[in-house]
Amino acid sequence: MDCRIIKTPGEGTLAILNRRKGSGPKAALEVSDAVGLVQGKLIEMVCAADIAEKAVGVTVEDIRGSCPQNMIMLAIFGDTASVESALDEIKRKEKEHKW
């Protein structure tokens, strides 16, 4: 699993994520202070989305891609502290193998 954070994402970055949103309402994403990106296997991403939502007040969206290894990506939107907390919790649970 791979994690990154983008603080103060640019308009172009948000446009890319809006075009690649996989589910949920088709309304444009709200501008956020930060976007956390998490990529991995489908089972890991479902668990990571649940952990992030339960840990702090963030919005999680799946991001469509075409990867032959069956990997997907999540975008976690919120204020910088919340996104960082969500990513930290995901990494902690993965390290402890608690999913």
PDB file of N, CA and C in Angstrom:
ATOM      1  N   MET A   1       0.852  -1.159   0.000  1.00  0.00           N
ATOM      2  CA  MET A   1       0.000   0.000   0.000  1.00  0.00           C
ATOM      3  C   MET A   1       0.907   1.234   0.000  1.00  0.00           C
ATOM      4  N   ASP A   2       0.476   2.228  -0.731  1.00  0.00           N
ATOM      5  CA  ASP A   2       1.252   3.461  -0.876  1.00  0.00           C
ATOM      6  C   ASP A   2       0.377   4.647  -0.472  1.00  0.00           C
ATOM      7  N   CYS A   3       0.921   5.569   0.331  1.00  0.00           N
ATOM      8  CA  CYS A   3       0.173   6.736   0.814  1.00  0.00           C
ATOM      9  C   CYS A   3       0.947   8.013   0.515  1.00  0.00           C
ATOM     10  N   ARG A   4       0.203   9.053   0.139  1.00  0.00           N
ATOM     11  CA  ARG A   4       0.773  10.385  -0.070  1.00  0.00           C
ATOM     12  C   ARG A   4      -0.244  11.426   0.396  1.00  0.00           C
ATOM     13  N   ILE A   5       0.233  12.628   0.674  1.00  0.00           N
ATOM     14  CA  ILE A   5      -0.664  13.729   1.019  1.00  0.00           C
ATOM     15  C   ILE A   5      -0.318  14.931   0.147  1.00  0.00           C
ATOM     16  N   ILE A   6      -1.348  15.611  -0.311  1.00  0.00           N
ATOM     17  CA  ILE A   6      -1.186  16.854  -1.063  1.00  0.00           C
ATOM     18  C   ILE A   6      -1.830  17.949  -0.224  1.00  0.00           C
ATOM     19  N   LYS A   7      -0.999  18.873   0.243  1.00  0.00           N
ATOM     20  CA  LYS A   7      -1.519  19.999   1.020  1.00  0.00           C
ATOM     21  C   LYS A   7      -1.842  21.136   0.068  1.00  0.00           C
ATOM     22  N   THR A   8      -2.985  21.743   0.248  1.00  0.00           N
ATOM     23  CA  THR A   8      -3.473  22.823  -0.606  1.00  0.00           C
ATOM     24  C   THR A   8      -3.426  22.409  -2.083  1.00  0.00           C
ATOM     25  N   PRO A   9      -4.234  21.407  -2.466  1.00  0.00           N
ATOM     26  CA  PRO A   9      -4.209  20.939  -3.855  1.00  0.00           C
ATOM     27  C   PRO A   9      -4.615  22.035  -4.835  1.00  0.00           C
ATOM     28  N   GLY A  10      -3.957  22.047  -5.986  1.00  0.00           N
ATOM     29  CA  GLY A  10      -4.252  23.024  -7.022  1.00  0.00           C
ATOM     30  C   GLY A  10      -5.540  22.701  -7.758  1.00  0.00           C
ATOM     31  N   GLU A  11      -6.034  23.678  -8.508  1.00  0.00           N
ATOM     32  CA  GLU A  11      -7.280  23.492  -9.273  1.00  0.00           C
ATOM     33  C   GLU A  11      -7.163  22.342 -10.258  1.00  0.00           C
ATOM     34  N   GLY A  12      -6.012  22.229 -10.914  1.00  0.00           N
ATOM     35  CA  GLY A  12      -5.808  21.150 -11.878  1.00  0.00           C
ATOM     36  C   GLY A  12      -5.836  19.783 -11.226  1.00  0.00           C
ATOM     37  N   THR A  13      -5.240  19.684 -10.055  1.00  0.00           N
ATOM     38  CA  THR A  13      -5.235  18.420  -9.319  1.00  0.00           C
ATOM     39  C   THR A  13      -6.652  18.025  -8.929  1.00  0.00           C
ATOM     40  N   LEU A  14      -7.416  18.980  -8.417  1.00  0.00           N
ATOM     41  CA  LEU A  14      -8.808  18.686  -8.060  1.00  0.00           C
ATOM     42  C   LEU A  14      -9.630  18.323  -9.293  1.00  0.00           C
ATOM     43  N   ALA A  15      -9.335  18.947 -10.432  1.00  0.00           N
ATOM     44  CA  ALA A  15     -10.048  18.623 -11.672  1.00  0.00           C
ATOM     45  C   ALA A  15      -9.765  17.181 -12.086  1.00  0.00           C
ATOM     46  N   ILE A  16      -8.515  16.747 -11.968  1.00  0.00           N
ATOM     47  CA  ILE A  16      -8.163  15.353 -12.292  1.00  0.00           C
ATOM     48  C   ILE A  16      -8.952  14.406 -11.393  1.00  0.00           C
ATOM     49  N   LEU A  17      -8.964  14.670 -10.103  1.00  0.00           N
ATOM     50  CA  LEU A  17      -9.681  13.799  -9.166  1.00  0.00           C
ATOM     51  C   LEU A  17     -11.183  13.807  -9.432  1.00  0.00           C
ATOM     52  N   ASN A  18     -11.746  14.971  -9.764  1.00  0.00           N
ATOM     53  CA  ASN A  18     -13.171  15.042 -10.092  1.00  0.00           C
ATOM     54  C   ASN A  18     -13.507  14.196 -11.312  1.00  0.00           C
ATOM     55  N   ARG A  19     -12.653  14.237 -12.328  1.00  0.00           N
ATOM     56  CA  ARG A  19     -12.904  13.446 -13.547  1.00  0.00           C
ATOM     57  C   ARG A  19     -12.803  11.947 -13.286  1.00  0.00           C
ATOM     58  N   ARG A  20     -11.998  11.550 -12.314  1.00  0.00           N
ATOM     59  CA  ARG A  20     -11.738  10.135 -12.079  1.00  0.00           C
ATOM     60  C   ARG A  20     -12.522   9.556 -10.905  1.00  0.00           C
ATOM     61  N   LYS A  21     -13.391  10.384 -10.283  1.00  0.00           N
ATOM     62  CA  LYS A  21     -14.221   9.887  -9.184  1.00  0.00           C
ATOM     63  C   LYS A  21     -15.010   8.677  -9.647  1.00  0.00           C
ATOM     64  N   GLY A  22     -14.990   7.622  -8.826  1.00  0.00           N
ATOM     65  CA  GLY A  22     -15.627   6.383  -9.255  1.00  0.00           C
ATOM     66  C   GLY A  22     -17.051   6.186  -8.789  1.00  0.00           C
ATOM     67  N   SER A  23     -17.420   6.724  -7.651  1.00  0.00           N
ATOM     68  CA  SER A  23     -18.759   6.450  -7.132  1.00  0.00           C
ATOM     69  C   SER A  23     -19.281   7.662  -6.376  1.00  0.00           C
ATOM     70  N   GLY A  24     -20.464   7.502  -5.865  1.00  0.00           N
ATOM     71  CA  GLY A  24     -21.055   8.588  -5.082  1.00  0.00           C
ATOM     72  C   GLY A  24     -21.667   9.633  -5.983  1.00  0.00           C
ATOM     73  N   PRO A  25     -22.113  10.725  -5.383  1.00  0.00           N
ATOM     74  CA  PRO A  25     -22.733  11.789  -6.166  1.00  0.00           C
ATOM     75  C   PRO A  25     -21.766  12.341  -7.208  1.00  0.00           C
ATOM     76  N   LYS A  26     -22.300  12.719  -8.337  1.00  0.00           N
ATOM     77  CA  LYS A  26     -21.462  13.241  -9.418  1.00  0.00           C
ATOM     78  C   LYS A  26     -21.166  14.726  -9.273  1.00  0.00           C
ATOM     79  N   ALA A  27     -21.586  15.311  -8.167  1.00  0.00           N
ATOM     80  CA  ALA A  27     -21.280  16.723  -7.920  1.00  0.00           C
ATOM     81  C   ALA A  27     -19.776  16.887  -7.736  1.00  0.00           C
ATOM     82  N   ALA A  28     -19.283  18.049  -8.076  1.00  0.00           N
ATOM     83  CA  ALA A  28     -17.856  18.323  -7.936  1.00  0.00           C
ATOM     84  C   ALA A  28     -17.444  18.252  -6.470  1.00  0.00           C
ATOM     85  N   LEU A  29     -16.221  17.827  -6.249  1.00  0.00           N
ATOM     86  CA  LEU A  29     -15.681  17.756  -4.904  1.00  0.00           C
ATOM     87  C   LEU A  29     -15.495  19.158  -4.335  1.00  0.00           C
ATOM     88  N   GLU A  30     -15.727  19.291  -3.049  1.00  0.00           N
ATOM     89  CA  GLU A  30     -15.506  20.572  -2.393  1.00  0.00           C
ATOM     90  C   GLU A  30     -14.006  20.803  -2.256  1.00  0.00           C
ATOM     91  N   VAL A  31     -13.609  22.048  -2.328  1.00  0.00           N
ATOM     92  CA  VAL A  31     -12.197  22.386  -2.147  1.00  0.00           C
ATOM     93  C   VAL A  31     -11.811  22.048  -0.715  1.00  0.00           C
ATOM     94  N   SER A  32     -10.708  21.322  -0.562  1.00  0.00           N
ATOM     95  CA  SER A  32     -10.231  20.905   0.751  1.00  0.00           C
ATOM     96  C   SER A  32      -8.838  21.455   1.003  1.00  0.00           C
ATOM     97  N   ASP A  33      -8.488  21.529   2.266  1.00  0.00           N
ATOM     98  CA  ASP A  33      -7.134  21.941   2.635  1.00  0.00           C
ATOM     99  C   ASP A  33      -6.103  20.920   2.172  1.00  0.00           C
ATOM    100  N   ALA A  34      -6.502  19.638   2.188  1.00  0.00           N
ATOM    101  CA  ALA A  34      -5.562  18.576   1.851  1.00  0.00           C
ATOM    102  C   ALA A  34      -6.293  17.400   1.221  1.00  0.00           C
ATOM    103  N   VAL A  35      -5.532  16.609   0.463  1.00  0.00           N
ATOM    104  CA  VAL A  35      -6.033  15.368  -0.118  1.00  0.00           C
ATOM    105  C   VAL A  35      -5.016  14.287   0.201  1.00  0.00           C
ATOM    106  N   GLY A  36      -5.490  13.230   0.838  1.00  0.00           N
ATOM    107  CA  GLY A  36      -4.646  12.064   1.064  1.00  0.00           C
ATOM    108  C   GLY A  36      -4.924  11.062  -0.037  1.00  0.00           C
ATOM    109  N   LEU A  37      -3.881  10.488  -0.605  1.00  0.00           N
ATOM    110  CA  LEU A  37      -4.031   9.484  -1.647  1.00  0.00           C
ATOM    111  C   LEU A  37      -3.488   8.164  -1.121  1.00  0.00           C
ATOM    112  N   VAL A  38      -4.290   7.113  -1.269  1.00  0.00           N
ATOM    113  CA  VAL A  38      -3.905   5.792  -0.800  1.00  0.00           C
ATOM    114  C   VAL A  38      -4.159   4.812  -1.945  1.00  0.00           C
ATOM    115  N   GLN A  39      -3.142   4.028  -2.298  1.00  0.00           N
ATOM    116  CA  GLN A  39      -3.276   3.083  -3.402  1.00  0.00           C
ATOM    117  C   GLN A  39      -2.903   1.693  -2.924  1.00  0.00           C
ATOM    118  N   GLY A  40      -3.687   0.710  -3.339  1.00  0.00           N
ATOM    119  CA  GLY A  40      -3.412  -0.667  -2.957  1.00  0.00           C
ATOM    120  C   GLY A  40      -4.432  -1.606  -3.554  1.00  0.00           C
ATOM    121  N   LYS A  41      -4.490  -2.811  -3.007  1.00  0.00           N
ATOM    122  CA  LYS A  41      -5.457  -3.812  -3.460  1.00  0.00           C
ATOM    123  C   LYS A  41      -6.855  -3.418  -2.994  1.00  0.00           C
ATOM    124  N   LEU A  42      -7.851  -3.903  -3.690  1.00  0.00           N
ATOM    125  CA  LEU A  42      -9.238  -3.555  -3.390  1.00  0.00           C
ATOM    126  C   LEU A  42      -9.593  -3.823  -1.930  1.00  0.00           C
ATOM    127  N   ILE A  43      -9.235  -4.961  -1.416  1.00  0.00           N
ATOM    128  CA  ILE A  43      -9.590  -5.296  -0.030  1.00  0.00           C
ATOM    129  C   ILE A  43      -8.947  -4.316   0.945  1.00  0.00           C
ATOM    130  N   GLU A  44      -7.711  -3.910   0.677  1.00  0.00           N
ATOM    131  CA  GLU A  44      -7.033  -2.934   1.527  1.00  0.00           C
ATOM    132  C   GLU A  44      -7.713  -1.574   1.463  1.00  0.00           C
ATOM    133  N   MET A  45      -8.178  -1.197   0.270  1.00  0.00           N
ATOM    134  CA  MET A  45      -8.780   0.124   0.104  1.00  0.00           C
ATOM    135  C   MET A  45     -10.144   0.217   0.773  1.00  0.00           C
ATOM    136  N   VAL A  46     -10.908  -0.851   0.760  1.00  0.00           N
ATOM    137  CA  VAL A  46     -12.199  -0.843   1.445  1.00  0.00           C
ATOM    138  C   VAL A  46     -11.968  -0.689   2.950  1.00  0.00           C
ATOM    139  N   CYS A  47     -11.014  -1.438   3.480  1.00  0.00           N
ATOM    140  CA  CYS A  47     -10.683  -1.325   4.902  1.00  0.00           C
ATOM    141  C   CYS A  47     -10.119   0.057   5.230  1.00  0.00           C
ATOM    142  N   ALA A  48      -9.259   0.579   4.371  1.00  0.00           N
ATOM    143  CA  ALA A  48      -8.667   1.902   4.600  1.00  0.00           C
ATOM    144  C   ALA A  48      -9.736   2.986   4.605  1.00  0.00           C
ATOM    145  N   ALA A  49     -10.717   2.892   3.705  1.00  0.00           N
ATOM    146  CA  ALA A  49     -11.804   3.875   3.674  1.00  0.00           C
ATOM    147  C   ALA A  49     -12.579   3.854   4.986  1.00  0.00           C
ATOM    148  N   ASP A  50     -12.855   2.669   5.491  1.00  0.00           N
ATOM    149  CA  ASP A  50     -13.595   2.533   6.746  1.00  0.00           C
ATOM    150  C   ASP A  50     -12.800   3.114   7.913  1.00  0.00           C
ATOM    151  N   ILE A  51     -11.515   2.821   7.957  1.00  0.00           N
ATOM    152  CA  ILE A  51     -10.650   3.338   9.028  1.00  0.00           C
ATOM    153  C   ILE A  51     -10.614   4.864   8.990  1.00  0.00           C
ATOM    154  N   ALA A  52     -10.425   5.427   7.803  1.00  0.00           N
ATOM    155  CA  ALA A  52     -10.335   6.885   7.668  1.00  0.00           C
ATOM    156  C   ALA A  52     -11.617   7.571   8.125  1.00  0.00           C
ATOM    157  N   GLU A  53     -12.761   7.047   7.677  1.00  0.00           N
ATOM    158  CA  GLU A  53     -14.037   7.666   8.041  1.00  0.00           C
ATOM    159  C   GLU A  53     -14.313   7.572   9.537  1.00  0.00           C
ATOM    160  N   LYS A  54     -13.922   6.472  10.151  1.00  0.00           N
ATOM    161  CA  LYS A  54     -14.161   6.295  11.583  1.00  0.00           C
ATOM    162  C   LYS A  54     -13.169   7.088  12.436  1.00  0.00           C
ATOM    163  N   ALA A  55     -11.973   7.328  11.918  1.00  0.00           N
ATOM    164  CA  ALA A  55     -10.930   7.997  12.692  1.00  0.00           C
ATOM    165  C   ALA A  55     -11.207   9.482  12.868  1.00  0.00           C
ATOM    166  N   VAL A  56     -11.578  10.151  11.799  1.00  0.00           N
ATOM    167  CA  VAL A  56     -11.754  11.609  11.821  1.00  0.00           C
ATOM    168  C   VAL A  56     -12.798  12.020  10.795  1.00  0.00           C
ATOM    169  N   GLY A  57     -13.171  13.281  10.800  1.00  0.00           N
ATOM    170  CA  GLY A  57     -14.181  13.799   9.880  1.00  0.00           C
ATOM    171  C   GLY A  57     -13.615  14.099   8.504  1.00  0.00           C
ATOM    172  N   VAL A  58     -13.481  13.071   7.687  1.00  0.00           N
ATOM    173  CA  VAL A  58     -12.989  13.232   6.323  1.00  0.00           C
ATOM    174  C   VAL A  58     -13.994  12.649   5.348  1.00  0.00           C
ATOM    175  N   THR A  59     -13.854  13.010   4.096  1.00  0.00           N
ATOM    176  CA  THR A  59     -14.663  12.442   3.018  1.00  0.00           C
ATOM    177  C   THR A  59     -13.760  11.547   2.190  1.00  0.00           C
ATOM    178  N   VAL A  60     -14.225  10.345   1.889  1.00  0.00           N
ATOM    179  CA  VAL A  60     -13.427   9.379   1.125  1.00  0.00           C
ATOM    180  C   VAL A  60     -14.121   9.095  -0.202  1.00  0.00           C
ATOM    181  N   GLU A  61     -13.363   9.154  -1.283  1.00  0.00           N
ATOM    182  CA  GLU A  61     -13.865   8.847  -2.631  1.00  0.00           C
ATOM    183  C   GLU A  61     -12.944   7.824  -3.279  1.00  0.00           C
ATOM    184  N   ASP A  62     -13.522   6.884  -4.030  1.00  0.00           N
ATOM    185  CA  ASP A  62     -12.664   5.990  -4.810  1.00  0.00           C
ATOM    186  C   ASP A  62     -12.331   6.672  -6.127  1.00  0.00           C
ATOM    187  N   ILE A  63     -11.122   6.451  -6.593  1.00  0.00           N
ATOM    188  CA  ILE A  63     -10.626   7.087  -7.804  1.00  0.00           C
ATOM    189  C   ILE A  63     -10.381   5.996  -8.840  1.00  0.00           C
ATOM    190  N   ARG A  64     -11.046   6.128  -9.986  1.00  0.00           N
ATOM    191  CA  ARG A  64     -10.938   5.132 -11.050  1.00  0.00           C
ATOM    192  C   ARG A  64      -9.559   5.161 -11.693  1.00  0.00           C
ATOM    193  N   GLY A  65      -9.133   4.010 -12.091  1.00  0.00           N
ATOM    194  CA  GLY A  65      -7.879   3.878 -12.817  1.00  0.00           C
ATOM    195  C   GLY A  65      -7.926   2.608 -13.638  1.00  0.00           C
ATOM    196  N   SER A  66      -6.879   2.345 -14.344  1.00  0.00           N
ATOM    197  CA  SER A  66      -6.804   1.095 -15.113  1.00  0.00           C
ATOM    198  C   SER A  66      -5.430   0.494 -14.844  1.00  0.00           C
ATOM    199  N   CYS A  67      -5.390  -0.339 -13.836  1.00  0.00           N
ATOM    200  CA  CYS A  67      -4.135  -0.929 -13.405  1.00  0.00           C
ATOM    201  C   CYS A  67      -4.238  -2.446 -13.515  1.00  0.00           C
ATOM    202  N   PRO A  68      -3.331  -3.085 -14.218  1.00  0.00           N
ATOM    203  CA  PRO A  68      -3.417  -4.540 -14.406  1.00  0.00           C
ATOM    204  C   PRO A  68      -3.230  -5.329 -13.112  1.00  0.00           C
ATOM    205  N   GLN A  69      -2.688  -4.719 -12.078  1.00  0.00           N
ATOM    206  CA  GLN A  69      -2.490  -5.436 -10.817  1.00  0.00           C
ATOM    207  C   GLN A  69      -3.723  -5.366  -9.908  1.00  0.00           C
ATOM    208  N   ASN A  70      -4.841  -4.894 -10.433  1.00  0.00           N
ATOM    209  CA  ASN A  70      -6.077  -4.774  -9.661  1.00  0.00           C
ATOM    210  C   ASN A  70      -5.904  -3.891  -8.432  1.00  0.00           C
ATOM    211  N   MET A  71      -5.164  -2.810  -8.594  1.00  0.00           N
ATOM    212  CA  MET A  71      -4.985  -1.851  -7.514  1.00  0.00           C
ATOM    213  C   MET A  71      -5.910  -0.675  -7.774  1.00  0.00           C
ATOM    214  N   ILE A  72      -6.371  -0.081  -6.704  1.00  0.00           N
ATOM    215  CA  ILE A  72      -7.223   1.090  -6.825  1.00  0.00           C
ATOM    216  C   ILE A  72      -6.677   2.192  -5.932  1.00  0.00           C
ATOM    217  N   MET A  73      -7.277   3.369  -6.032  1.00  0.00           N
ATOM    218  CA  MET A  73      -6.828   4.477  -5.224  1.00  0.00           C
ATOM    219  C   MET A  73      -8.012   5.145  -4.539  1.00  0.00           C
ATOM    220  N   LEU A  74      -7.756   5.603  -3.326  1.00  0.00           N
ATOM    221  CA  LEU A  74      -8.721   6.399  -2.575  1.00  0.00           C
ATOM    222  C   LEU A  74      -8.189   7.817  -2.469  1.00  0.00           C
ATOM    223  N   ALA A  75      -9.096   8.765  -2.471  1.00  0.00           N
ATOM    224  CA  ALA A  75      -8.754  10.151  -2.176  1.00  0.00           C
ATOM    225  C   ALA A  75      -9.496  10.506  -0.895  1.00  0.00           C
ATOM    226  N   ILE A  76      -8.760  11.000   0.077  1.00  0.00           N
ATOM    227  CA  ILE A  76      -9.312  11.357   1.372  1.00  0.00           C
ATOM    228  C   ILE A  76      -9.250  12.877   1.488  1.00  0.00           C
ATOM    229  N   PHE A  77     -10.414  13.520   1.591  1.00  0.00           N
ATOM    230  CA  PHE A  77     -10.515  14.977   1.581  1.00  0.00           C
ATOM    231  C   PHE A  77     -10.851  15.511   2.963  1.00  0.00           C
ATOM    232  N   GLY A  78     -10.223  16.631   3.325  1.00  0.00           N
ATOM    233  CA  GLY A  78     -10.534  17.278   4.586  1.00  0.00           C
ATOM    234  C   GLY A  78      -9.497  18.323   4.918  1.00  0.00           C
ATOM    235  N   ASP A  79      -9.559  18.805   6.159  1.00  0.00           N
ATOM    236  CA  ASP A  79      -8.530  19.742   6.580  1.00  0.00           C
ATOM    237  C   ASP A  79      -7.225  18.958   6.774  1.00  0.00           C
ATOM    238  N   THR A  80      -6.108  19.658   6.743  1.00  0.00           N
ATOM    239  CA  THR A  80      -4.799  19.007   6.759  1.00  0.00           C
ATOM    240  C   THR A  80      -4.621  18.088   7.962  1.00  0.00           C
ATOM    241  N   ALA A  81      -4.971  18.549   9.143  1.00  0.00           N
ATOM    242  CA  ALA A  81      -4.795  17.735  10.349  1.00  0.00           C
ATOM    243  C   ALA A  81      -5.630  16.452  10.291  1.00  0.00           C
ATOM    244  N   SER A  82      -6.854  16.548   9.791  1.00  0.00           N
ATOM    245  CA  SER A  82      -7.726  15.372   9.708  1.00  0.00           C
ATOM    246  C   SER A  82      -7.213  14.367   8.687  1.00  0.00           C
ATOM    247  N   VAL A  83      -6.762  14.861   7.541  1.00  0.00           N
ATOM    248  CA  VAL A  83      -6.237  13.955   6.513  1.00  0.00           C
ATOM    249  C   VAL A  83      -4.966  13.273   7.022  1.00  0.00           C
ATOM    250  N   GLU A  84      -4.096  14.030   7.668  1.00  0.00           N
ATOM    251  CA  GLU A  84      -2.880  13.427   8.228  1.00  0.00           C
ATOM    252  C   GLU A  84      -3.226  12.374   9.273  1.00  0.00           C
ATOM    253  N   SER A  85      -4.207  12.664  10.133  1.00  0.00           N
ATOM    254  CA  SER A  85      -4.633  11.701  11.157  1.00  0.00           C
ATOM    255  C   SER A  85      -5.206  10.439  10.525  1.00  0.00           C
ATOM    256  N   ALA A  86      -6.011  10.616   9.478  1.00  0.00           N
ATOM    257  CA  ALA A  86      -6.593   9.459   8.795  1.00  0.00           C
ATOM    258  C   ALA A  86      -5.498   8.587   8.180  1.00  0.00           C
ATOM    259  N   LEU A  87      -4.531   9.208   7.507  1.00  0.00           N
ATOM    260  CA  LEU A  87      -3.434   8.445   6.904  1.00  0.00           C
ATOM    261  C   LEU A  87      -2.596   7.748   7.968  1.00  0.00           C
ATOM    262  N   ASP A  88      -2.326   8.428   9.077  1.00  0.00           N
ATOM    263  CA  ASP A  88      -1.568   7.810  10.169  1.00  0.00           C
ATOM    264  C   ASP A  88      -2.285   6.591  10.726  1.00  0.00           C
ATOM    265  N   GLU A  89      -3.598   6.704  10.892  1.00  0.00           N
ATOM    266  CA  GLU A  89      -4.381   5.585  11.427  1.00  0.00           C
ATOM    267  C   GLU A  89      -4.392   4.415  10.448  1.00  0.00           C
ATOM    268  N   ILE A  90      -4.519   4.694   9.164  1.00  0.00           N
ATOM    269  CA  ILE A  90      -4.476   3.630   8.153  1.00  0.00           C
ATOM    270  C   ILE A  90      -3.127   2.911   8.205  1.00  0.00           C
ATOM    271  N   LYS A  91      -2.040   3.671   8.251  1.00  0.00           N
ATOM    272  CA  LYS A  91      -0.700   3.067   8.311  1.00  0.00           C
ATOM    273  C   LYS A  91      -0.513   2.248   9.590  1.00  0.00           C
ATOM    274  N   ARG A  92      -1.023   2.772  10.703  1.00  0.00           N
ATOM    275  CA  ARG A  92      -0.898   2.058  11.982  1.00  0.00           C
ATOM    276  C   ARG A  92      -1.624   0.719  11.946  1.00  0.00           C
ATOM    277  N   LYS A  93      -2.851   0.744  11.437  1.00  0.00           N
ATOM    278  CA  LYS A  93      -3.639  -0.500  11.367  1.00  0.00           C
ATOM    279  C   LYS A  93      -3.003  -1.499  10.402  1.00  0.00           C
ATOM    280  N   GLU A  94      -2.458  -0.996   9.301  1.00  0.00           N
ATOM    281  CA  GLU A  94      -1.808  -1.900   8.347  1.00  0.00           C
ATOM    282  C   GLU A  94      -0.582  -2.550   8.997  1.00  0.00           C
ATOM    283  N   LYS A  95       0.216  -1.759   9.705  1.00  0.00           N
ATOM    284  CA  LYS A  95       1.422  -2.268  10.349  1.00  0.00           C
ATOM    285  C   LYS A  95       1.075  -3.329  11.392  1.00  0.00           C
ATOM    286  N   GLU A  96      -0.017  -3.101  12.102  1.00  0.00           N
ATOM    287  CA  GLU A  96      -0.458  -4.051  13.136  1.00  0.00           C
ATOM    288  C   GLU A  96      -1.255  -5.214  12.549  1.00  0.00           C
ATOM    289  N   HIS A  97      -1.512  -5.157  11.244  1.00  0.00           N
ATOM    290  CA  HIS A  97      -2.316  -6.186  10.556  1.00  0.00           C
ATOM    291  C   HIS A  97      -3.694  -6.324  11.188  1.00  0.00           C
ATOM    292  N   LYS A  98      -4.293  -5.173  11.500  1.00  0.00           N
ATOM    293  CA  LYS A  98      -5.601  -5.187  12.154  1.00  0.00           C
ATOM    294  C   LYS A  98      -6.700  -4.819  11.189  1.00  0.00           C
ATOM    295  N   TRP A  99      -6.728  -5.475  10.075  1.00  0.00           N
ATOM    296  CA  TRP A  99      -7.869  -5.345   9.189  1.00  0.00           C
ATOM    297  C   TRP A  99      -8.085  -6.615   8.522  1.00  0.00           C
TER     298      TRP A  99
END
